[in-house]
Amino acid sequence: MAEWKKTPDGIEIPPPSPNDVLYEKQDAIARITLNRPVVLNALNKNVWRLLHAALTEAETDDEVKVVILTGAGRSFCAGGDMWSSLYPDDQPAPSGLEVQTMIWSLSKPVIAAVRGHAVGQGCELAGVCDFTIASEDAKLGEIQIRHGANPPVLITPFLVSMKQAKELLLLGEMVDAPEAQRLGLVNRVVPGARLDEEAETLARKLAALPQATVRLNKMLVNRVYELSGLREAFAYRDDQAFQDLVNSSGQDAATQERIRIRQEVGWYAFLRSRDTMYGKGQP
C-alpha cells in the first residue's frame, strides 16, 4: 500500500487508487460513485480518468438506460484537489471540461445525488447532470473566486438568472439546499436518509419510459441551450478577448499570496488568511 503523504500542516492525503471511482450496474441503472471520502471526493487526474471510463462503460452498455452519479461519505464533491501536487501524475488524462461535456452529451439521462458539499467543480459536476437531487444538508457554491480562480465549466449562468449567476460567481458564497432549489441549481430536496431511494425512484421512472424519446428529448432541451451559446461558454478560455484580459492583468497579489500560504504553511493557515479577507464560515 502506498504511503499517505501529508500537507505542510500534517493533514494526510490518500494516494490515487483504482477505486477512486466505483461503477455498479443494477438492472437498467448504472451507479457511479466518487470514492475519495477522506478528501470529500476532490477531483484529480486519476478521478477524471476513472470517471471518463465509467461514463464510457455506461454509454456503450445497451442495458443501461440511466446513470446515477454520487459521492461516497458525507459529501458529493469538494471540487478540484488542491493537494494533487503531492502525487505527481504525468499520465494522460481527460480534462474536467472534457468529462463534464461528456455528461452533458451522454445519450442517457444522468442524475446527480448530492449530499453534503458540492462546491467549485463539484457544483459544476452536479450542474451538468440532467437532474440534481439534493439532501437537506447539501451546500452548493461556486467558491473558486475565494482561491483566485475562474469557474472551469461555465454552466451556472445557464441554470440560474443573470443576477443570481453574478451573485454566485462573484461572491463565492455557498447556498443551502432549499435556496439551491429556488435558484434552479437542483430539482428536488429530500431528507438525507432518502437521497439514494429518491434518486433510484427517478432513475426507474426514466428507465420505464420509451428510451428513444427520452434520449431525443434530452437532446432537444440541450440543443436549445447550445443554440444560446452554451458550448461557446464552456470553451471561454479559447476566446481571444478573455486571453487578452488574463495576459494583461496577470495573477493578482492576493491570489499569489494565498497560493504561497497554502503550499508553504498548509491548509489551515490558508483558511485563516482567506477568511480574514472574505469572512468566515466557508470551506
Protein backbone atom coordinates (compact mmCIF):
# COMPACT_ATOMS: atom_id res chain seq x y z
CA MET A 1 0.00 0.00 0.00
CA ALA A 2 1.33 3.41 -0.97
CA GLU A 3 2.32 5.72 1.86
CA TRP A 4 -0.09 8.55 2.58
CA LYS A 5 1.58 11.92 2.12
CA LYS A 6 0.87 14.95 4.29
CA THR A 7 0.30 18.64 3.74
CA PRO A 8 2.69 21.09 5.47
CA ASP A 9 0.35 21.20 8.46
CA GLY A 10 0.09 17.42 8.77
CA ILE A 11 -3.19 16.60 7.01
CA GLU A 12 -2.97 13.14 5.44
CA ILE A 13 -3.99 12.93 1.78
CA PRO A 14 -4.67 9.46 0.32
CA PRO A 15 -2.73 8.39 -2.80
CA PRO A 16 -4.51 7.79 -6.12
CA SER A 17 -6.28 4.43 -6.30
CA PRO A 18 -8.12 2.41 -8.97
CA ASN A 19 -11.06 2.51 -6.56
CA ASP A 20 -11.30 6.31 -6.56
CA VAL A 21 -14.38 5.89 -8.76
CA LEU A 22 -16.72 2.92 -8.38
CA TYR A 23 -19.05 1.53 -11.04
CA GLU A 24 -22.03 -0.67 -10.29
CA LYS A 25 -24.85 -1.78 -12.58
CA GLN A 26 -28.21 -2.97 -11.32
CA ASP A 27 -30.86 -3.74 -13.89
CA ALA A 28 -31.04 -0.70 -16.19
CA ILE A 29 -29.28 1.70 -13.81
CA ALA A 30 -25.55 2.41 -13.63
CA ARG A 31 -24.38 3.94 -10.34
CA ILE A 32 -21.09 5.83 -10.49
CA THR A 33 -19.61 6.82 -7.12
CA LEU A 34 -16.78 9.26 -6.48
CA ASN A 35 -14.88 7.36 -3.82
CA ARG A 36 -12.38 9.61 -2.06
CA PRO A 37 -14.38 10.32 1.10
CA VAL A 38 -11.33 11.32 3.18
CA VAL A 39 -10.86 14.38 0.96
CA LEU A 40 -14.58 14.87 0.27
CA ASN A 41 -14.19 13.31 -3.20
CA ALA A 42 -11.89 16.02 -4.50
CA LEU A 43 -11.15 15.76 -8.22
CA ASN A 44 -7.71 14.97 -9.65
CA LYS A 45 -6.39 13.47 -12.89
CA ASN A 46 -6.92 9.92 -11.63
CA VAL A 47 -10.56 10.64 -10.81
CA TRP A 48 -11.15 12.26 -14.20
CA ARG A 49 -9.65 9.21 -15.95
CA LEU A 50 -11.77 6.78 -13.96
CA LEU A 51 -14.92 8.85 -14.28
CA HIS A 52 -14.45 9.10 -18.04
CA ALA A 53 -14.03 5.30 -18.22
CA ALA A 54 -17.15 4.72 -16.11
CA LEU A 55 -19.24 7.06 -18.26
CA THR A 56 -17.95 5.36 -21.39
CA GLU A 57 -18.97 1.98 -19.98
CA ALA A 58 -22.45 3.26 -19.20
CA GLU A 59 -22.83 4.86 -22.62
CA THR A 60 -21.79 1.75 -24.54
CA ASP A 61 -23.81 -0.73 -22.47
CA ASP A 62 -27.18 -1.16 -24.17
CA GLU A 63 -28.68 -2.49 -20.94
CA VAL A 64 -28.00 0.78 -19.13
CA LYS A 65 -30.75 3.36 -19.53
CA VAL A 66 -29.99 5.82 -16.71
CA VAL A 67 -26.88 6.85 -14.75
CA ILE A 68 -26.77 7.98 -11.11
CA LEU A 69 -23.69 9.96 -10.09
CA THR A 70 -23.00 10.32 -6.37
CA GLY A 71 -20.22 10.64 -3.81
CA ALA A 72 -19.09 8.32 -1.04
CA GLY A 73 -19.13 9.53 2.55
CA ARG A 74 -20.51 12.84 3.75
CA SER A 75 -20.06 14.96 0.60
CA PHE A 76 -20.75 14.80 -3.09
CA CYS A 77 -17.60 16.61 -4.19
CA ALA A 78 -15.41 19.36 -2.74
CA GLY A 79 -14.17 20.41 -6.17
CA GLY A 80 -10.62 20.30 -7.52
CA ASP A 81 -7.97 18.56 -5.43
CA MET A 82 -5.81 21.38 -4.08
CA TRP A 83 -3.16 18.85 -2.98
CA SER A 84 -2.80 16.82 -6.18
CA SER A 85 0.82 18.02 -6.38
CA LEU A 86 1.66 15.66 -3.50
CA TYR A 87 1.30 12.82 -6.00
CA PRO A 88 2.80 13.93 -9.35
CA ASP A 89 0.84 12.48 -12.25
CA ASP A 90 2.25 12.80 -15.76
CA GLN A 91 -0.07 10.25 -17.34
CA PRO A 92 -2.56 11.40 -19.99
CA ALA A 93 -5.98 12.26 -18.61
CA PRO A 94 -9.11 13.97 -19.90
CA SER A 95 -9.71 17.43 -18.54
CA GLY A 96 -12.57 18.18 -16.21
CA LEU A 97 -14.22 20.10 -19.05
CA GLU A 98 -13.99 17.05 -21.31
CA VAL A 99 -15.60 14.77 -18.73
CA GLN A 100 -18.34 17.24 -17.83
CA THR A 101 -19.09 17.87 -21.50
CA MET A 102 -19.33 14.10 -21.86
CA ILE A 103 -22.01 14.02 -19.14
CA TRP A 104 -23.84 16.84 -20.90
CA SER A 105 -23.73 14.97 -24.22
CA LEU A 106 -24.33 11.45 -22.89
CA SER A 107 -27.28 9.90 -24.72
CA LYS A 108 -28.67 8.61 -21.42
CA PRO A 109 -30.02 10.76 -18.56
CA VAL A 110 -27.62 11.38 -15.66
CA ILE A 111 -28.92 12.05 -12.14
CA ALA A 112 -26.67 13.70 -9.56
CA ALA A 113 -27.45 12.59 -6.00
CA VAL A 114 -25.88 15.28 -3.80
CA ARG A 115 -25.29 15.18 -0.07
CA GLY A 116 -23.02 17.45 1.90
CA HIS A 117 -20.83 19.78 -0.13
CA ALA A 118 -20.97 20.23 -3.89
CA VAL A 119 -18.66 23.19 -4.38
CA GLY A 120 -16.40 24.53 -7.11
CA GLN A 121 -16.02 21.89 -9.78
CA GLY A 122 -18.29 19.70 -7.66
CA CYS A 123 -21.09 22.22 -8.07
CA GLU A 124 -20.46 22.28 -11.81
CA LEU A 125 -20.36 18.49 -11.95
CA ALA A 126 -23.83 18.36 -10.41
CA GLY A 127 -24.92 21.20 -12.69
CA VAL A 128 -24.14 19.46 -15.98
CA CYS A 129 -26.18 16.42 -14.96
CA ASP A 130 -29.73 16.24 -16.31
CA PHE A 131 -31.27 16.04 -12.84
CA THR A 132 -29.89 17.02 -9.45
CA ILE A 133 -31.45 15.71 -6.24
CA ALA A 134 -30.01 17.18 -3.05
CA SER A 135 -30.27 16.07 0.55
CA GLU A 136 -31.45 18.61 3.09
CA ASP A 137 -27.91 19.05 4.39
CA ALA A 138 -26.43 19.85 0.98
CA LYS A 139 -24.41 23.03 0.39
CA LEU A 140 -23.65 24.21 -3.13
CA GLY A 141 -21.49 27.03 -4.40
CA GLU A 142 -19.04 28.34 -6.98
CA ILE A 143 -16.29 29.12 -4.46
CA GLN A 144 -13.34 29.35 -6.86
CA ILE A 145 -13.12 33.13 -6.58
CA ARG A 146 -12.07 32.66 -2.96
CA HIS A 147 -8.98 30.90 -4.29
CA GLY A 148 -8.47 33.48 -7.04
CA ALA A 149 -9.70 31.17 -9.80
CA ASN A 150 -12.36 31.23 -12.52
CA PRO A 151 -15.08 28.57 -12.87
CA PRO A 152 -13.64 25.74 -15.02
CA VAL A 153 -17.03 24.85 -16.52
CA LEU A 154 -19.37 27.77 -17.13
CA ILE A 155 -22.69 26.00 -16.51
CA THR A 156 -24.14 28.12 -13.68
CA PRO A 157 -25.29 31.08 -15.86
CA PHE A 158 -27.41 28.61 -17.82
CA LEU A 159 -29.03 27.21 -14.67
CA VAL A 160 -29.97 30.46 -12.90
CA SER A 161 -30.79 34.06 -13.84
CA MET A 162 -28.10 36.59 -14.75
CA LYS A 163 -28.31 38.40 -11.39
CA GLN A 164 -28.15 35.12 -9.48
CA ALA A 165 -25.23 33.89 -11.58
CA LYS A 166 -23.26 37.03 -10.77
CA GLU A 167 -24.05 36.66 -7.08
CA LEU A 168 -22.86 33.04 -7.06
CA LEU A 169 -19.74 33.58 -9.17
CA LEU A 170 -18.60 36.97 -7.88
CA LEU A 171 -19.16 36.38 -4.15
CA GLY A 172 -18.22 32.70 -3.98
CA GLU A 173 -20.69 32.03 -1.19
CA MET A 174 -22.42 28.73 -0.60
CA VAL A 175 -26.19 28.26 -0.53
CA ASP A 176 -28.19 25.62 1.30
CA ALA A 177 -30.35 23.05 -0.44
CA PRO A 178 -33.68 24.94 -0.35
CA GLU A 179 -32.01 28.07 -1.72
CA ALA A 180 -30.24 26.00 -4.38
CA GLN A 181 -33.61 24.61 -5.42
CA ARG A 182 -35.12 28.11 -5.55
CA LEU A 183 -32.26 29.31 -7.73
CA GLY A 184 -32.51 26.36 -10.10
CA LEU A 185 -29.30 24.54 -9.17
CA VAL A 186 -31.23 21.45 -8.03
CA ASN A 187 -34.54 19.84 -8.94
CA ARG A 188 -35.57 18.37 -5.60
CA VAL A 189 -34.57 18.45 -1.93
CA VAL A 190 -35.16 15.35 0.18
CA PRO A 191 -34.20 14.09 3.66
CA GLY A 192 -30.68 12.70 3.69
CA ALA A 193 -31.85 9.20 4.59
CA ARG A 194 -33.99 9.12 1.44
CA LEU A 195 -31.47 10.53 -1.05
CA ASP A 196 -30.43 7.23 -2.62
CA GLU A 197 -34.02 5.98 -2.67
CA GLU A 198 -35.29 9.14 -4.39
CA ALA A 199 -32.52 9.03 -6.99
CA GLU A 200 -33.27 5.40 -7.74
CA THR A 201 -37.02 6.05 -7.96
CA LEU A 202 -36.42 8.80 -10.50
CA ALA A 203 -34.00 6.56 -12.41
CA ARG A 204 -36.54 3.76 -12.60
CA LYS A 205 -39.22 6.14 -13.88
CA LEU A 206 -36.87 7.27 -16.64
CA ALA A 207 -35.86 3.70 -17.45
CA ALA A 208 -39.53 2.68 -17.84
CA LEU A 209 -40.24 5.34 -20.47
CA PRO A 210 -39.74 4.87 -24.25
CA GLN A 211 -35.97 5.20 -24.47
CA ALA A 212 -35.76 6.64 -27.97
CA THR A 213 -37.98 9.52 -26.88
CA VAL A 214 -36.13 10.04 -23.59
CA ARG A 215 -32.87 10.41 -25.49
CA LEU A 216 -34.43 12.63 -28.14
CA ASN A 217 -35.99 14.94 -25.55
CA LYS A 218 -32.69 15.26 -23.67
CA MET A 219 -31.01 16.18 -26.93
CA LEU A 220 -33.75 18.69 -27.79
CA VAL A 221 -33.50 20.50 -24.45
CA ASN A 222 -29.71 20.53 -24.69
CA ARG A 223 -29.94 21.87 -28.21
CA VAL A 224 -31.90 24.91 -27.06
CA TYR A 225 -29.12 25.84 -24.64
CA GLU A 226 -26.41 25.09 -27.18
CA LEU A 227 -28.10 27.46 -29.62
CA SER A 228 -27.98 30.02 -26.81
CA GLY A 229 -24.21 29.65 -26.70
CA LEU A 230 -23.59 27.00 -24.04
CA ARG A 231 -20.78 25.24 -25.87
CA GLU A 232 -19.07 28.55 -26.62
CA ALA A 233 -19.39 29.41 -22.93
CA PHE A 234 -17.80 26.09 -21.97
CA ALA A 235 -14.87 26.98 -24.24
CA TYR A 236 -14.48 30.53 -22.92
CA ARG A 237 -10.75 30.06 -22.42
CA ASP A 238 -10.38 29.92 -26.20
CA ASP A 239 -11.90 33.39 -26.55
CA GLN A 240 -9.21 35.89 -27.53
CA ALA A 241 -10.74 38.73 -25.52
CA PHE A 242 -10.58 36.58 -22.38
CA GLN A 243 -6.99 35.60 -23.10
CA ASP A 244 -6.04 39.23 -23.63
CA LEU A 245 -7.54 40.16 -20.26
CA VAL A 246 -5.69 37.33 -18.50
CA ASN A 247 -2.39 38.23 -20.14
CA SER A 248 -2.73 41.93 -19.39
CA SER A 249 -3.79 41.59 -15.76
CA GLY A 250 -1.71 38.62 -14.67
CA GLN A 251 -2.38 36.91 -11.37
CA ASP A 252 -3.34 39.36 -8.64
CA ALA A 253 -1.26 39.69 -5.49
CA ALA A 254 -3.97 38.29 -3.19
CA THR A 255 -4.19 35.09 -5.24
CA GLN A 256 -0.41 34.67 -5.30
CA GLU A 257 -0.22 35.13 -1.53
CA ARG A 258 -2.94 32.55 -0.89
CA ILE A 259 -1.20 30.01 -3.09
CA ARG A 260 2.08 30.65 -1.28
CA ILE A 261 0.49 30.23 2.16
CA ARG A 262 -1.25 27.01 1.18
CA GLN A 263 1.87 25.47 -0.36
CA GLU A 264 4.37 26.57 2.29
CA VAL A 265 2.35 26.59 5.52
CA GLY A 266 -0.70 24.46 4.93
CA TRP A 267 -4.44 24.29 4.62
CA TYR A 268 -5.48 25.72 7.97
CA ALA A 269 -3.21 28.74 7.57
CA PHE A 270 -4.68 29.26 4.12
CA LEU A 271 -8.21 29.17 5.55
CA ARG A 272 -7.33 31.67 8.25
CA SER A 273 -5.73 34.01 5.72
CA ARG A 274 -8.63 33.72 3.32
CA ASP A 275 -11.32 34.15 5.96
CA THR A 276 -9.64 37.31 7.24
CA MET A 277 -10.47 38.91 3.90
CA TYR A 278 -13.66 37.12 2.85
CA GLY A 279 -15.38 36.28 6.15
CA LYS A 280 -15.69 33.02 7.99
CA GLY A 281 -17.94 30.05 7.51
CA GLN A 282 -16.89 28.80 4.07
CA PRO A 283 -14.87 25.63 3.30
